[in-house]
Amino acid sequence: PGVDILSTIPGNNYENFNGTSMAAPHVSGLAALVLSKNKSLKADVVKGLIAKNCDAFTSAPPVPMGAGRINASKTLAATP
């Protein structure tokens, strides 16, 4: 899940939040960018590209999807 993701809040301010609700829009957006480059890719391939090309967090404990920050530039460069 996302950690310390800057988000807008009422009153024209910003605050950091954690959790999958904060990370999902970023990952979904990257998936859309990957598919815009190659519409024929299957969901499991898109998921693999994103996971394989993230920047690892060496201090985070292992989690099912891995611990890392998505890297849009690296992911798009690796997209066939």
N, C-alpha and C. Protein backbone atom coordinates (compact mmCIF):
# COMPACT_ATOMS: atom_id res chain seq x y z
N PRO A 1 0.82 -1.21 0.00
CA PRO A 1 0.00 0.00 0.00
C PRO A 1 0.85 1.26 0.00
N GLY A 2 0.26 2.33 -0.42
CA GLY A 2 0.98 3.59 -0.47
C GLY A 2 1.33 4.11 0.91
N VAL A 3 2.43 4.80 1.00
CA VAL A 3 2.88 5.39 2.27
C VAL A 3 3.28 6.83 2.00
N ASP A 4 2.75 7.73 2.82
CA ASP A 4 3.08 9.16 2.72
C ASP A 4 2.82 9.72 1.33
N ILE A 5 1.64 9.44 0.78
CA ILE A 5 1.27 9.96 -0.54
C ILE A 5 0.55 11.29 -0.35
N LEU A 6 1.11 12.32 -0.95
CA LEU A 6 0.55 13.66 -0.83
C LEU A 6 -0.79 13.73 -1.53
N SER A 7 -1.79 14.25 -0.85
CA SER A 7 -3.14 14.35 -1.41
C SER A 7 -3.77 15.68 -1.04
N THR A 8 -4.71 16.10 -1.86
CA THR A 8 -5.42 17.34 -1.55
C THR A 8 -6.47 17.07 -0.48
N ILE A 9 -6.73 18.09 0.33
CA ILE A 9 -7.77 18.02 1.35
C ILE A 9 -8.59 19.31 1.28
N PRO A 10 -9.79 19.30 1.87
CA PRO A 10 -10.62 20.50 1.85
C PRO A 10 -9.88 21.73 2.39
N GLY A 11 -10.22 22.88 1.85
CA GLY A 11 -9.59 24.12 2.27
C GLY A 11 -8.36 24.45 1.44
N ASN A 12 -8.24 23.79 0.28
CA ASN A 12 -7.12 24.05 -0.64
C ASN A 12 -5.76 23.77 0.03
N ASN A 13 -5.71 22.63 0.76
CA ASN A 13 -4.49 22.23 1.46
C ASN A 13 -4.07 20.83 1.04
N TYR A 14 -2.94 20.38 1.58
CA TYR A 14 -2.39 19.06 1.28
C TYR A 14 -2.06 18.34 2.57
N GLU A 15 -2.11 17.01 2.49
CA GLU A 15 -1.74 16.17 3.63
C GLU A 15 -1.27 14.82 3.10
N ASN A 16 -0.40 14.15 3.86
CA ASN A 16 0.07 12.82 3.49
C ASN A 16 -0.86 11.76 4.06
N PHE A 17 -1.16 10.74 3.25
CA PHE A 17 -1.98 9.63 3.68
C PHE A 17 -1.32 8.32 3.30
N ASN A 18 -1.76 7.23 3.93
CA ASN A 18 -1.23 5.89 3.65
C ASN A 18 -2.37 4.96 3.22
N GLY A 19 -2.01 3.89 2.56
CA GLY A 19 -2.97 2.83 2.26
C GLY A 19 -3.18 2.58 0.79
N THR A 20 -3.86 1.47 0.51
CA THR A 20 -4.10 1.09 -0.87
C THR A 20 -5.00 2.09 -1.59
N SER A 21 -5.87 2.76 -0.88
CA SER A 21 -6.73 3.76 -1.52
C SER A 21 -5.92 4.92 -2.07
N MET A 22 -4.75 5.15 -1.51
CA MET A 22 -3.89 6.21 -1.99
C MET A 22 -2.99 5.72 -3.13
N ALA A 23 -2.60 4.45 -3.11
CA ALA A 23 -1.70 3.91 -4.12
C ALA A 23 -2.44 3.50 -5.39
N ALA A 24 -3.66 3.04 -5.27
CA ALA A 24 -4.40 2.50 -6.42
C ALA A 24 -4.51 3.46 -7.60
N PRO A 25 -4.80 4.74 -7.40
CA PRO A 25 -4.89 5.64 -8.56
C PRO A 25 -3.58 5.76 -9.33
N HIS A 26 -2.46 5.72 -8.63
CA HIS A 26 -1.17 5.83 -9.30
C HIS A 26 -0.87 4.58 -10.12
N VAL A 27 -1.12 3.42 -9.53
CA VAL A 27 -0.87 2.16 -10.23
C VAL A 27 -1.84 2.02 -11.41
N SER A 28 -3.08 2.39 -11.22
CA SER A 28 -4.07 2.33 -12.30
C SER A 28 -3.69 3.26 -13.44
N GLY A 29 -3.20 4.43 -13.11
CA GLY A 29 -2.77 5.38 -14.13
C GLY A 29 -1.60 4.84 -14.93
N LEU A 30 -0.65 4.20 -14.25
CA LEU A 30 0.49 3.61 -14.95
C LEU A 30 0.03 2.46 -15.84
N ALA A 31 -0.90 1.65 -15.34
CA ALA A 31 -1.44 0.56 -16.17
C ALA A 31 -2.09 1.13 -17.43
N ALA A 32 -2.80 2.23 -17.31
CA ALA A 32 -3.43 2.86 -18.48
C ALA A 32 -2.37 3.37 -19.46
N LEU A 33 -1.28 3.93 -18.95
CA LEU A 33 -0.20 4.39 -19.82
C LEU A 33 0.44 3.21 -20.56
N VAL A 34 0.66 2.11 -19.86
CA VAL A 34 1.22 0.91 -20.49
C VAL A 34 0.29 0.43 -21.61
N LEU A 35 -1.00 0.37 -21.32
CA LEU A 35 -1.96 -0.10 -22.33
C LEU A 35 -2.10 0.89 -23.48
N SER A 36 -1.85 2.17 -23.23
CA SER A 36 -1.91 3.13 -24.33
C SER A 36 -0.75 2.91 -25.30
N LYS A 37 0.31 2.33 -24.80
CA LYS A 37 1.47 2.02 -25.63
C LYS A 37 1.29 0.70 -26.37
N ASN A 38 0.59 -0.26 -25.76
CA ASN A 38 0.36 -1.57 -26.37
C ASN A 38 -0.98 -2.12 -25.88
N LYS A 39 -2.02 -1.88 -26.65
CA LYS A 39 -3.38 -2.27 -26.27
C LYS A 39 -3.60 -3.78 -26.22
N SER A 40 -2.70 -4.56 -26.80
CA SER A 40 -2.90 -6.01 -26.86
C SER A 40 -2.38 -6.75 -25.62
N LEU A 41 -1.75 -6.05 -24.69
CA LEU A 41 -1.21 -6.72 -23.51
C LEU A 41 -2.33 -7.20 -22.59
N LYS A 42 -2.15 -8.38 -22.04
CA LYS A 42 -3.09 -8.95 -21.06
C LYS A 42 -2.80 -8.35 -19.69
N ALA A 43 -3.80 -8.40 -18.80
CA ALA A 43 -3.68 -7.81 -17.47
C ALA A 43 -2.49 -8.36 -16.69
N ASP A 44 -2.24 -9.67 -16.78
CA ASP A 44 -1.13 -10.25 -16.02
C ASP A 44 0.22 -9.75 -16.53
N VAL A 45 0.32 -9.45 -17.81
CA VAL A 45 1.56 -8.91 -18.37
C VAL A 45 1.76 -7.48 -17.89
N VAL A 46 0.71 -6.68 -17.89
CA VAL A 46 0.79 -5.29 -17.39
C VAL A 46 1.21 -5.30 -15.93
N LYS A 47 0.58 -6.16 -15.14
CA LYS A 47 0.91 -6.27 -13.72
C LYS A 47 2.38 -6.65 -13.54
N GLY A 48 2.85 -7.59 -14.32
CA GLY A 48 4.24 -8.02 -14.24
C GLY A 48 5.21 -6.92 -14.61
N LEU A 49 4.88 -6.16 -15.65
CA LEU A 49 5.75 -5.06 -16.07
C LEU A 49 5.88 -4.02 -14.96
N ILE A 50 4.75 -3.69 -14.35
CA ILE A 50 4.77 -2.69 -13.27
C ILE A 50 5.58 -3.20 -12.08
N ALA A 51 5.33 -4.44 -11.67
CA ALA A 51 6.03 -5.00 -10.51
C ALA A 51 7.53 -5.16 -10.76
N LYS A 52 7.88 -5.62 -11.95
CA LYS A 52 9.29 -5.87 -12.28
C LYS A 52 10.10 -4.58 -12.37
N ASN A 53 9.46 -3.50 -12.74
CA ASN A 53 10.17 -2.24 -12.98
C ASN A 53 10.02 -1.21 -11.87
N CYS A 54 9.54 -1.62 -10.71
CA CYS A 54 9.43 -0.67 -9.60
C CYS A 54 10.79 -0.48 -8.96
N ASP A 55 10.94 0.61 -8.23
CA ASP A 55 12.15 0.89 -7.47
C ASP A 55 11.97 0.25 -6.10
N ALA A 56 12.83 -0.70 -5.77
CA ALA A 56 12.70 -1.46 -4.52
C ALA A 56 13.00 -0.60 -3.30
N PHE A 57 12.27 -0.88 -2.23
CA PHE A 57 12.55 -0.28 -0.93
C PHE A 57 13.32 -1.32 -0.13
N THR A 58 14.56 -1.07 0.13
CA THR A 58 15.37 -2.06 0.83
C THR A 58 15.03 -2.17 2.31
N SER A 59 14.42 -1.14 2.88
CA SER A 59 14.12 -1.16 4.32
C SER A 59 12.73 -1.73 4.63
N ALA A 60 11.92 -1.99 3.61
CA ALA A 60 10.55 -2.46 3.86
C ALA A 60 10.53 -3.98 3.98
N PRO A 61 9.64 -4.52 4.84
CA PRO A 61 9.52 -5.98 4.95
C PRO A 61 8.85 -6.55 3.69
N PRO A 62 9.10 -7.82 3.36
CA PRO A 62 8.47 -8.42 2.18
C PRO A 62 6.94 -8.45 2.32
N VAL A 63 6.27 -8.15 1.24
CA VAL A 63 4.81 -8.21 1.19
C VAL A 63 4.44 -8.93 -0.10
N PRO A 64 3.18 -9.39 -0.25
CA PRO A 64 2.82 -10.19 -1.41
C PRO A 64 3.19 -9.60 -2.77
N MET A 65 2.98 -8.31 -2.96
CA MET A 65 3.30 -7.70 -4.25
C MET A 65 4.70 -7.13 -4.28
N GLY A 66 5.43 -7.26 -3.22
CA GLY A 66 6.76 -6.67 -3.15
C GLY A 66 6.66 -5.28 -2.53
N ALA A 67 7.77 -4.74 -2.20
CA ALA A 67 7.78 -3.41 -1.61
C ALA A 67 8.57 -2.50 -2.53
N GLY A 68 7.90 -1.53 -3.11
CA GLY A 68 8.60 -0.64 -4.01
C GLY A 68 7.74 0.52 -4.45
N ARG A 69 8.39 1.44 -5.12
CA ARG A 69 7.71 2.62 -5.67
C ARG A 69 7.62 2.42 -7.18
N ILE A 70 6.42 2.57 -7.74
CA ILE A 70 6.31 2.37 -9.18
C ILE A 70 7.20 3.37 -9.90
N ASN A 71 7.73 2.93 -11.03
CA ASN A 71 8.61 3.75 -11.84
C ASN A 71 8.03 3.79 -13.24
N ALA A 72 7.30 4.85 -13.54
CA ALA A 72 6.59 4.95 -14.82
C ALA A 72 7.56 4.96 -15.99
N SER A 73 8.63 5.70 -15.89
CA SER A 73 9.58 5.80 -16.99
C SER A 73 10.19 4.44 -17.31
N LYS A 74 10.64 3.73 -16.30
CA LYS A 74 11.26 2.42 -16.49
C LYS A 74 10.24 1.41 -17.02
N THR A 75 9.02 1.45 -16.49
CA THR A 75 7.97 0.53 -16.93
C THR A 75 7.61 0.76 -18.38
N LEU A 76 7.44 2.01 -18.76
CA LEU A 76 7.09 2.32 -20.16
C LEU A 76 8.22 1.96 -21.11
N ALA A 77 9.46 2.15 -20.68
CA ALA A 77 10.60 1.79 -21.52
C ALA A 77 10.67 0.28 -21.74
N ALA A 78 10.19 -0.51 -20.77
CA ALA A 78 10.22 -1.97 -20.86
C ALA A 78 8.99 -2.54 -21.56
N THR A 79 8.00 -1.70 -21.84
CA THR A 79 6.76 -2.18 -22.45
C THR A 79 7.00 -2.50 -23.92
N PRO A 80 6.68 -3.73 -24.30
CA PRO A 80 6.88 -4.12 -25.72
C PRO A 80 5.92 -3.43 -26.65
